[in-house]
N, C-alpha and C. Protein backbone atom coordinates (compact mmCIF):
# COMPACT_ATOMS: atom_id res chain seq x y z
N UNK A 1 13.59 68.73 20.89
CA UNK A 1 14.89 69.14 21.40
C UNK A 1 15.03 70.66 21.35
N UNK A 2 14.56 71.28 20.25
CA UNK A 2 14.69 72.74 20.12
C UNK A 2 13.85 73.45 21.17
N UNK A 3 12.59 73.04 21.44
CA UNK A 3 11.84 73.72 22.50
C UNK A 3 12.56 73.65 23.86
N UNK A 4 13.23 72.53 24.14
CA UNK A 4 13.96 72.41 25.41
C UNK A 4 15.10 73.41 25.46
N UNK A 5 15.83 73.58 24.36
CA UNK A 5 16.93 74.56 24.32
C UNK A 5 16.40 75.98 24.50
N UNK A 6 15.27 76.25 23.88
CA UNK A 6 14.66 77.58 24.04
C UNK A 6 14.30 77.81 25.50
N UNK A 7 13.71 76.79 26.12
CA UNK A 7 13.33 76.90 27.54
C UNK A 7 14.53 77.11 28.43
N UNK A 8 15.61 76.36 28.17
CA UNK A 8 16.83 76.53 28.97
C UNK A 8 17.44 77.91 28.75
N UNK A 9 17.43 78.39 27.52
CA UNK A 9 17.96 79.73 27.24
C UNK A 9 17.13 80.80 27.93
N UNK A 10 15.82 80.62 27.90
CA UNK A 10 14.94 81.58 28.57
C UNK A 10 15.18 81.58 30.07
N UNK A 11 15.33 80.39 30.66
CA UNK A 11 15.60 80.30 32.10
C UNK A 11 16.91 80.96 32.45
N UNK A 12 17.95 80.74 31.64
CA UNK A 12 19.25 81.37 31.90
C UNK A 12 19.16 82.88 31.78
N UNK A 13 18.40 83.36 30.80
CA UNK A 13 18.22 84.81 30.63
C UNK A 13 17.50 85.43 31.80
N UNK A 14 16.45 84.77 32.29
CA UNK A 14 15.71 85.28 33.45
C UNK A 14 16.59 85.32 34.69
N UNK A 15 17.37 84.27 34.90
CA UNK A 15 18.27 84.24 36.05
C UNK A 15 19.27 85.38 35.97
N UNK A 16 19.81 85.62 34.77
CA UNK A 16 20.76 86.73 34.59
C UNK A 16 20.11 88.07 34.89
N UNK A 17 18.88 88.24 34.43
CA UNK A 17 18.18 89.51 34.66
C UNK A 17 17.96 89.74 36.15
N UNK A 18 17.57 88.69 36.88
CA UNK A 18 17.38 88.82 38.33
C UNK A 18 18.69 89.19 39.02
N UNK A 19 19.77 88.54 38.64
CA UNK A 19 21.06 88.81 39.27
C UNK A 19 21.52 90.23 38.98
N UNK A 20 21.37 90.68 37.74
CA UNK A 20 21.78 92.04 37.40
C UNK A 20 20.92 93.06 38.13
N UNK A 21 19.63 92.79 38.24
CA UNK A 21 18.74 93.71 38.95
C UNK A 21 19.10 93.83 40.42
N UNK A 22 19.54 92.73 41.03
CA UNK A 22 19.91 92.76 42.45
C UNK A 22 21.20 93.52 42.69
N UNK A 23 21.98 93.73 41.65
CA UNK A 23 23.26 94.41 41.80
C UNK A 23 23.17 95.90 41.52
N UNK A 24 21.99 96.43 41.28
CA UNK A 24 21.83 97.86 41.00
C UNK A 24 22.28 98.71 42.16
N UNK A 25 22.49 100.00 41.90
CA UNK A 25 23.02 100.84 42.96
C UNK A 25 22.07 101.94 43.39
N UNK A 26 20.86 101.98 42.87
CA UNK A 26 19.95 103.03 43.30
C UNK A 26 19.09 102.52 44.45
N UNK A 27 18.69 103.44 45.33
CA UNK A 27 17.84 103.08 46.46
C UNK A 27 16.40 103.06 46.02
N UNK A 28 15.65 102.10 46.52
CA UNK A 28 14.23 102.03 46.24
C UNK A 28 13.46 102.35 47.49
N UNK A 29 12.32 102.95 47.31
CA UNK A 29 11.46 103.21 48.44
C UNK A 29 10.07 102.75 48.09
N UNK A 30 9.25 102.76 49.06
CA UNK A 30 7.87 102.36 48.85
C UNK A 30 7.61 101.09 49.61
N UNK A 31 6.37 100.90 49.98
CA UNK A 31 6.05 99.72 50.74
C UNK A 31 4.61 99.37 50.48
N UNK A 32 4.33 98.11 50.56
CA UNK A 32 2.96 97.66 50.42
C UNK A 32 2.80 96.40 51.25
N UNK A 33 1.60 96.09 51.58
CA UNK A 33 1.36 94.88 52.35
C UNK A 33 1.65 93.66 51.51
N UNK A 34 2.11 92.63 52.13
CA UNK A 34 2.37 91.38 51.42
C UNK A 34 1.04 90.76 51.03
N UNK A 35 1.07 89.92 50.03
CA UNK A 35 -0.13 89.24 49.57
C UNK A 35 -0.68 88.36 50.69
N UNK A 36 -1.93 87.94 50.58
CA UNK A 36 -2.52 87.13 51.64
C UNK A 36 -1.65 85.93 51.98
N UNK A 37 -1.59 85.65 53.26
CA UNK A 37 -0.74 84.56 53.72
C UNK A 37 -1.56 83.56 54.52
N UNK A 38 -1.00 82.39 54.68
CA UNK A 38 -1.65 81.36 55.47
C UNK A 38 -1.60 81.73 56.94
N UNK A 39 -2.52 81.28 57.73
CA UNK A 39 -2.49 81.60 59.15
C UNK A 39 -1.26 81.03 59.83
N UNK A 40 -0.81 81.72 60.85
CA UNK A 40 0.38 81.29 61.59
C UNK A 40 0.05 80.02 62.38
N UNK A 41 1.09 79.19 62.54
CA UNK A 41 0.91 77.98 63.33
C UNK A 41 1.88 78.02 64.48
N UNK A 42 2.73 77.05 64.61
CA UNK A 42 3.66 76.95 65.73
C UNK A 42 4.81 77.94 65.63
N UNK A 43 5.21 78.52 66.75
CA UNK A 43 6.31 79.48 66.75
C UNK A 43 7.67 78.80 66.67
N UNK A 44 7.77 77.54 67.00
CA UNK A 44 9.05 76.84 66.94
C UNK A 44 8.89 75.47 66.31
N UNK A 45 8.60 75.43 64.99
CA UNK A 45 8.43 74.14 64.35
C UNK A 45 9.72 73.37 64.28
N UNK A 46 9.64 72.06 64.23
CA UNK A 46 10.81 71.20 64.08
C UNK A 46 11.27 71.27 62.64
N UNK A 47 12.50 71.76 62.36
CA UNK A 47 12.95 71.92 60.99
C UNK A 47 12.92 70.62 60.20
N UNK A 48 13.09 69.49 60.84
CA UNK A 48 13.14 68.24 60.11
C UNK A 48 11.75 67.77 59.67
N UNK A 49 10.71 68.17 60.39
CA UNK A 49 9.38 67.66 60.08
C UNK A 49 8.41 68.71 59.61
N UNK A 50 8.74 69.97 59.70
CA UNK A 50 7.76 70.99 59.38
C UNK A 50 8.10 71.79 58.14
N UNK A 51 8.98 71.30 57.30
CA UNK A 51 9.33 72.03 56.08
C UNK A 51 8.08 72.17 55.23
N UNK A 52 7.62 73.40 54.99
CA UNK A 52 6.41 73.61 54.22
C UNK A 52 6.60 73.16 52.77
N UNK A 53 5.55 72.67 52.19
CA UNK A 53 5.60 72.28 50.78
C UNK A 53 5.33 73.52 49.96
N UNK A 54 6.38 74.23 49.62
CA UNK A 54 6.26 75.47 48.87
C UNK A 54 7.36 75.55 47.84
N UNK A 55 7.11 76.33 46.81
CA UNK A 55 8.12 76.56 45.80
C UNK A 55 9.17 77.48 46.39
N UNK A 56 10.42 77.27 46.08
CA UNK A 56 11.51 78.10 46.60
C UNK A 56 11.28 79.56 46.26
N UNK A 57 11.67 80.45 47.17
CA UNK A 57 11.52 81.88 46.93
C UNK A 57 12.74 82.47 46.25
N UNK A 58 13.69 81.65 45.84
CA UNK A 58 14.90 82.13 45.19
C UNK A 58 14.68 82.38 43.72
N UNK A 59 14.91 83.62 43.22
CA UNK A 59 14.71 83.91 41.82
C UNK A 59 15.82 83.35 40.95
N UNK A 60 16.93 82.91 41.52
CA UNK A 60 18.08 82.47 40.75
C UNK A 60 17.81 81.15 40.04
N UNK A 61 16.84 80.38 40.50
CA UNK A 61 16.56 79.08 39.90
C UNK A 61 16.09 79.18 38.47
N UNK A 62 15.69 80.35 38.02
CA UNK A 62 15.23 80.54 36.66
C UNK A 62 13.73 80.29 36.52
N UNK A 63 13.10 79.76 37.55
CA UNK A 63 11.67 79.54 37.52
C UNK A 63 11.03 80.46 38.54
N UNK A 64 10.03 81.23 38.12
CA UNK A 64 9.39 82.13 39.07
C UNK A 64 8.69 81.35 40.17
N UNK A 65 8.88 81.78 41.39
CA UNK A 65 8.25 81.15 42.52
C UNK A 65 6.83 81.69 42.67
N UNK A 66 5.96 80.91 43.26
CA UNK A 66 4.60 81.37 43.48
C UNK A 66 4.33 81.66 44.95
N UNK A 67 5.11 81.08 45.85
CA UNK A 67 4.90 81.27 47.27
C UNK A 67 6.24 81.32 47.99
N UNK A 68 6.38 82.24 48.92
CA UNK A 68 7.54 82.28 49.81
C UNK A 68 7.03 81.96 51.21
N UNK A 69 7.91 81.43 52.04
CA UNK A 69 7.52 81.06 53.40
C UNK A 69 8.50 81.68 54.37
N UNK A 70 8.00 82.35 55.40
CA UNK A 70 8.82 82.84 56.49
C UNK A 70 8.31 82.20 57.77
N UNK A 71 9.26 81.73 58.59
CA UNK A 71 8.93 80.95 59.77
C UNK A 71 9.73 81.43 60.97
N UNK A 72 9.09 81.47 62.11
CA UNK A 72 9.80 81.76 63.36
C UNK A 72 10.37 80.45 63.89
N UNK A 73 11.66 80.48 64.23
CA UNK A 73 12.32 79.30 64.78
C UNK A 73 13.23 79.74 65.93
N UNK A 74 13.56 78.80 66.77
CA UNK A 74 14.46 79.10 67.87
C UNK A 74 15.89 78.80 67.43
N UNK A 75 16.78 79.77 67.63
CA UNK A 75 18.20 79.60 67.32
C UNK A 75 18.97 79.61 68.62
N UNK A 76 19.87 78.65 68.75
CA UNK A 76 20.65 78.55 69.98
C UNK A 76 21.40 79.85 70.24
N UNK A 77 21.20 80.42 71.41
CA UNK A 77 21.88 81.64 71.82
C UNK A 77 21.23 82.92 71.35
N UNK A 78 20.22 82.83 70.45
CA UNK A 78 19.58 84.04 69.94
C UNK A 78 18.09 84.11 70.24
N UNK A 79 17.51 83.03 70.67
CA UNK A 79 16.07 83.01 70.90
C UNK A 79 15.32 82.81 69.59
N UNK A 80 14.17 83.44 69.46
CA UNK A 80 13.32 83.28 68.29
C UNK A 80 13.77 84.21 67.16
N UNK A 81 14.03 83.61 65.98
CA UNK A 81 14.44 84.37 64.80
C UNK A 81 13.57 83.94 63.62
N UNK A 82 13.70 84.64 62.50
CA UNK A 82 12.91 84.34 61.31
C UNK A 82 13.80 83.68 60.27
N UNK A 83 13.25 82.63 59.63
CA UNK A 83 13.97 81.92 58.57
C UNK A 83 13.10 81.83 57.33
N UNK A 84 13.74 81.45 56.21
CA UNK A 84 12.99 81.24 54.97
C UNK A 84 12.52 79.80 54.87
N UNK A 85 11.99 79.41 53.71
CA UNK A 85 11.45 78.07 53.53
C UNK A 85 12.51 76.98 53.57
N UNK A 86 13.79 77.33 53.48
CA UNK A 86 14.87 76.35 53.56
C UNK A 86 15.52 76.35 54.95
N UNK A 87 14.98 77.16 55.87
CA UNK A 87 15.53 77.23 57.22
C UNK A 87 16.71 78.18 57.33
N UNK A 88 16.99 78.95 56.27
CA UNK A 88 18.10 79.91 56.32
C UNK A 88 17.67 81.17 57.06
N UNK A 89 18.54 81.65 57.91
CA UNK A 89 18.26 82.82 58.75
C UNK A 89 18.09 84.07 57.90
N UNK A 90 17.13 84.91 58.27
CA UNK A 90 16.91 86.20 57.61
C UNK A 90 17.45 87.30 58.53
N UNK A 91 18.05 88.30 57.89
CA UNK A 91 18.74 89.37 58.62
C UNK A 91 18.18 90.74 58.25
N UNK A 92 18.43 91.70 59.15
CA UNK A 92 18.14 93.11 58.87
C UNK A 92 19.44 93.89 59.01
N UNK A 93 19.49 95.04 58.35
CA UNK A 93 20.68 95.87 58.26
C UNK A 93 20.41 97.19 58.96
N UNK A 94 21.24 97.56 59.94
CA UNK A 94 21.01 98.78 60.71
C UNK A 94 21.00 100.05 59.86
N UNK A 95 21.67 100.04 58.71
CA UNK A 95 21.70 101.25 57.87
C UNK A 95 20.43 101.43 57.04
N UNK A 96 19.60 100.37 56.93
CA UNK A 96 18.34 100.51 56.21
C UNK A 96 17.38 101.35 57.04
N UNK A 97 16.29 101.78 56.41
CA UNK A 97 15.27 102.58 57.08
C UNK A 97 13.98 101.77 57.17
N UNK A 98 13.36 101.67 58.36
CA UNK A 98 12.15 100.88 58.48
C UNK A 98 10.86 101.59 58.07
N UNK A 99 10.73 102.86 58.31
CA UNK A 99 9.46 103.55 58.04
C UNK A 99 9.69 104.92 57.45
N UNK A 100 9.50 105.13 56.16
CA UNK A 100 9.10 104.11 55.19
C UNK A 100 10.29 103.21 54.86
N UNK A 101 9.96 101.99 54.43
CA UNK A 101 11.00 101.02 54.10
C UNK A 101 11.92 101.57 53.02
N UNK A 102 13.23 101.50 53.30
CA UNK A 102 14.22 101.97 52.33
C UNK A 102 15.46 101.11 52.49
N UNK A 103 15.95 100.55 51.39
CA UNK A 103 17.14 99.70 51.44
C UNK A 103 18.37 100.50 51.07
N UNK A 104 19.48 100.18 51.70
CA UNK A 104 20.74 100.86 51.41
C UNK A 104 21.81 99.89 50.94
N UNK A 105 21.64 98.59 51.15
CA UNK A 105 22.60 97.59 50.69
C UNK A 105 22.44 97.44 49.18
N UNK A 106 23.49 97.77 48.43
CA UNK A 106 23.44 97.67 46.97
C UNK A 106 24.82 97.33 46.43
N UNK A 107 24.91 97.06 45.15
CA UNK A 107 26.18 96.76 44.51
C UNK A 107 26.86 95.57 45.14
N UNK A 108 28.13 95.73 45.55
CA UNK A 108 28.92 94.64 46.13
C UNK A 108 28.27 94.10 47.41
N UNK A 109 27.56 94.93 48.13
CA UNK A 109 26.88 94.49 49.36
C UNK A 109 25.93 93.33 49.07
N UNK A 110 25.22 93.37 47.94
CA UNK A 110 24.24 92.34 47.64
C UNK A 110 24.86 91.02 47.18
N UNK A 111 26.17 90.98 47.05
CA UNK A 111 26.85 89.72 46.74
C UNK A 111 27.07 88.92 48.04
N UNK A 112 27.14 89.62 49.16
CA UNK A 112 27.30 88.99 50.47
C UNK A 112 25.96 88.87 51.19
N UNK A 113 25.15 89.90 51.08
CA UNK A 113 23.85 89.95 51.74
C UNK A 113 22.78 89.93 50.65
N UNK A 114 22.14 88.80 50.47
CA UNK A 114 21.20 88.58 49.37
C UNK A 114 19.81 89.08 49.75
N UNK A 115 19.28 90.08 49.03
CA UNK A 115 17.93 90.55 49.34
C UNK A 115 16.92 89.41 49.21
N UNK A 116 15.95 89.37 50.11
CA UNK A 116 14.90 88.35 50.06
C UNK A 116 13.84 88.85 49.08
N UNK A 117 13.94 88.36 47.85
CA UNK A 117 13.01 88.72 46.81
C UNK A 117 11.83 87.76 46.88
N UNK A 118 10.62 88.31 46.89
CA UNK A 118 9.43 87.47 47.06
C UNK A 118 8.54 87.50 45.83
N UNK A 119 7.80 86.41 45.66
CA UNK A 119 6.84 86.30 44.57
C UNK A 119 5.49 86.88 44.96
N UNK A 120 4.45 86.29 44.42
CA UNK A 120 3.09 86.81 44.60
C UNK A 120 2.55 86.72 46.02
N UNK A 121 2.91 85.67 46.76
CA UNK A 121 2.33 85.52 48.09
C UNK A 121 3.39 85.04 49.08
N UNK A 122 3.09 85.30 50.34
CA UNK A 122 4.00 84.92 51.43
C UNK A 122 3.17 84.19 52.48
N UNK A 123 3.64 83.00 52.87
CA UNK A 123 3.01 82.27 53.96
C UNK A 123 3.85 82.49 55.21
N UNK A 124 3.20 82.49 56.36
CA UNK A 124 3.92 82.70 57.61
C UNK A 124 3.63 81.57 58.59
N UNK A 125 4.59 81.39 59.48
CA UNK A 125 4.41 80.45 60.59
C UNK A 125 5.13 81.07 61.78
N UNK A 126 4.37 81.58 62.72
CA UNK A 126 4.96 82.19 63.91
C UNK A 126 5.39 83.64 63.70
N UNK A 127 5.09 84.21 62.54
CA UNK A 127 5.41 85.61 62.24
C UNK A 127 4.09 86.31 61.95
N UNK A 128 3.85 87.43 62.62
CA UNK A 128 2.60 88.17 62.45
C UNK A 128 2.49 88.69 61.01
N UNK A 129 1.47 88.22 60.31
CA UNK A 129 1.25 88.58 58.90
C UNK A 129 1.17 90.09 58.70
N UNK A 130 0.60 90.81 59.65
CA UNK A 130 0.43 92.26 59.50
C UNK A 130 1.77 93.01 59.52
N UNK A 131 2.84 92.38 60.02
CA UNK A 131 4.16 93.02 60.05
C UNK A 131 4.92 92.87 58.74
N UNK A 132 4.45 91.99 57.86
CA UNK A 132 5.13 91.77 56.58
C UNK A 132 4.73 92.85 55.58
N UNK A 133 5.67 93.22 54.74
CA UNK A 133 5.43 94.17 53.68
C UNK A 133 6.49 93.98 52.61
N UNK A 134 6.57 94.92 51.70
CA UNK A 134 7.56 94.84 50.64
C UNK A 134 8.10 96.22 50.31
N UNK A 135 9.24 96.23 49.66
CA UNK A 135 9.82 97.44 49.13
C UNK A 135 10.27 97.11 47.71
N UNK A 136 10.10 98.06 46.81
CA UNK A 136 10.49 97.82 45.42
C UNK A 136 11.99 98.02 45.27
N UNK A 137 12.62 97.08 44.56
CA UNK A 137 14.07 97.07 44.41
C UNK A 137 14.41 96.70 42.98
N UNK A 138 14.74 97.70 42.16
CA UNK A 138 15.17 97.46 40.78
C UNK A 138 14.22 96.53 40.02
N UNK A 139 12.94 96.80 40.11
CA UNK A 139 11.95 96.01 39.38
C UNK A 139 11.53 94.73 40.08
N UNK A 140 12.07 94.46 41.24
CA UNK A 140 11.70 93.27 42.00
C UNK A 140 11.09 93.70 43.33
N UNK A 141 10.57 92.74 44.06
CA UNK A 141 9.91 93.02 45.33
C UNK A 141 10.67 92.35 46.46
N UNK A 142 11.22 93.17 47.37
CA UNK A 142 11.97 92.65 48.52
C UNK A 142 11.05 92.63 49.73
N UNK A 143 11.10 91.53 50.47
CA UNK A 143 10.28 91.36 51.66
C UNK A 143 10.80 92.24 52.80
N UNK A 144 9.86 92.80 53.55
CA UNK A 144 10.20 93.56 54.75
C UNK A 144 9.45 92.97 55.94
N UNK A 145 10.01 93.18 57.12
CA UNK A 145 9.36 92.77 58.37
C UNK A 145 9.43 93.96 59.31
N UNK A 146 8.27 94.43 59.74
CA UNK A 146 8.16 95.64 60.56
C UNK A 146 8.88 96.80 59.87
N UNK A 147 8.83 96.81 58.54
CA UNK A 147 9.43 97.87 57.74
C UNK A 147 10.87 97.63 57.35
N UNK A 148 11.56 96.70 57.99
CA UNK A 148 12.98 96.45 57.71
C UNK A 148 13.13 95.51 56.51
N UNK A 149 13.85 95.92 55.46
CA UNK A 149 14.13 95.00 54.35
C UNK A 149 14.92 93.79 54.86
N UNK A 150 14.62 92.61 54.32
CA UNK A 150 15.24 91.37 54.79
C UNK A 150 16.26 90.82 53.79
N UNK A 151 17.29 90.15 54.34
CA UNK A 151 18.40 89.62 53.56
C UNK A 151 18.77 88.23 54.06
N UNK A 152 19.43 87.45 53.19
CA UNK A 152 20.09 86.21 53.58
C UNK A 152 21.59 86.48 53.55
N UNK A 153 22.35 85.77 54.37
CA UNK A 153 23.81 85.93 54.40
C UNK A 153 24.44 84.80 53.60
N UNK A 154 25.34 85.13 52.70
CA UNK A 154 26.00 84.14 51.85
C UNK A 154 26.78 83.12 52.66
N UNK A 155 27.21 83.48 53.87
CA UNK A 155 27.97 82.58 54.73
C UNK A 155 27.13 81.55 55.46
N UNK A 156 25.80 81.67 55.39
CA UNK A 156 24.90 80.65 55.95
C UNK A 156 24.61 79.66 54.83
N UNK A 157 25.18 78.46 54.94
CA UNK A 157 25.02 77.47 53.88
C UNK A 157 24.10 76.33 54.25
N UNK A 158 23.66 76.28 55.50
CA UNK A 158 22.75 75.22 55.94
C UNK A 158 21.70 75.80 56.88
N UNK A 159 20.57 75.13 56.95
CA UNK A 159 19.49 75.55 57.84
C UNK A 159 19.99 75.68 59.27
N UNK A 160 19.54 76.74 59.94
CA UNK A 160 19.86 76.94 61.34
C UNK A 160 21.13 77.73 61.61
N UNK A 161 21.94 77.97 60.58
CA UNK A 161 23.17 78.73 60.81
C UNK A 161 22.85 80.22 60.98
N UNK A 162 23.65 80.89 61.82
CA UNK A 162 23.49 82.33 62.08
C UNK A 162 24.85 83.02 61.97
N UNK A 163 25.61 82.67 60.95
CA UNK A 163 26.96 83.21 60.78
C UNK A 163 27.01 84.71 60.52
N UNK A 164 25.89 85.29 60.10
CA UNK A 164 25.86 86.73 59.84
C UNK A 164 25.53 87.57 61.07
N UNK A 165 25.18 86.93 62.18
CA UNK A 165 24.77 87.65 63.38
C UNK A 165 25.87 88.58 63.87
N UNK A 166 25.56 89.88 63.95
CA UNK A 166 26.49 90.87 64.48
C UNK A 166 27.60 91.28 63.52
N UNK A 167 27.58 90.81 62.27
CA UNK A 167 28.63 91.16 61.30
C UNK A 167 28.74 92.67 61.18
N UNK A 168 29.97 93.15 61.26
CA UNK A 168 30.29 94.57 61.13
C UNK A 168 29.49 95.45 62.09
N UNK A 169 28.91 94.85 63.12
CA UNK A 169 28.12 95.61 64.08
C UNK A 169 26.87 96.22 63.47
N UNK A 170 26.43 95.71 62.30
CA UNK A 170 25.29 96.31 61.59
C UNK A 170 24.27 95.29 61.08
N UNK A 171 24.62 94.01 61.09
CA UNK A 171 23.75 92.97 60.55
C UNK A 171 23.30 92.05 61.68
N UNK A 172 21.99 91.82 61.77
CA UNK A 172 21.45 91.02 62.85
C UNK A 172 20.32 90.12 62.35
N UNK A 173 20.29 88.89 62.88
CA UNK A 173 19.14 88.03 62.62
C UNK A 173 17.91 88.78 63.10
N UNK A 174 16.81 88.66 62.37
CA UNK A 174 15.61 89.41 62.71
C UNK A 174 14.67 88.53 63.53
N UNK A 175 14.04 89.13 64.53
CA UNK A 175 13.07 88.42 65.37
C UNK A 175 11.70 88.46 64.68
N UNK A 176 10.76 87.64 65.11
CA UNK A 176 9.42 87.66 64.51
C UNK A 176 8.72 89.02 64.64
N UNK A 177 9.17 89.87 65.55
CA UNK A 177 8.58 91.21 65.70
C UNK A 177 9.33 92.25 64.88
N UNK A 178 10.40 91.84 64.15
CA UNK A 178 11.16 92.76 63.32
C UNK A 178 12.32 93.41 64.04
N UNK A 179 12.56 93.03 65.29
CA UNK A 179 13.68 93.58 66.05
C UNK A 179 14.96 92.84 65.70
N UNK A 180 16.11 93.46 66.01
CA UNK A 180 17.36 92.72 65.81
C UNK A 180 17.56 91.79 67.01
N UNK A 181 17.98 90.58 66.70
CA UNK A 181 18.15 89.60 67.77
C UNK A 181 19.40 89.93 68.58
N UNK A 182 19.33 89.59 69.82
CA UNK A 182 20.45 89.81 70.74
C UNK A 182 20.87 88.46 71.31
N UNK A 183 22.14 88.34 71.64
CA UNK A 183 22.64 87.10 72.22
C UNK A 183 21.97 86.91 73.58
N UNK A 184 21.45 85.70 73.78
CA UNK A 184 20.79 85.38 75.06
C UNK A 184 21.70 84.51 75.89
N UNK A 185 21.51 84.51 77.17
CA UNK A 185 22.37 83.76 78.08
C UNK A 185 21.94 82.39 78.37
């Protein structure tokens, strides 16, 4: 019973450390290539049947993830966009800097726009592996695509939602090429 309590306390402490680190206010710079990834497959996998068997990339669970997954999917009205392993849309912020990668969303911003923190490796499906990279953020590693730091929107609660698209005229779902998605006709 005591080892279980120690494990739960350790998990809670790690989760707290990740959350506090994400709320820092200093800008991080630097970039490096993402760890080796699996080869790309289909550009528009069926979300119901193609969910990769991977550990969640969310650090909040208290358990360190070993693999993150980014996938290109088709979103109604936006064309091809990038999602995480749960099908949640990934976004880029116009105020960030792509080359060299530099994030500007910090403090209260990260409570609405959650930085995509990645573990040791990233698998891709429909996203060019060479476009992936990372930027250091308060002791953690944030995923970048074509140099742009990536985020999840707190208002997207289910796979396939794009509620953050165009928010404040600065937040856009990211395309597999790292561009901001535009509404299609």
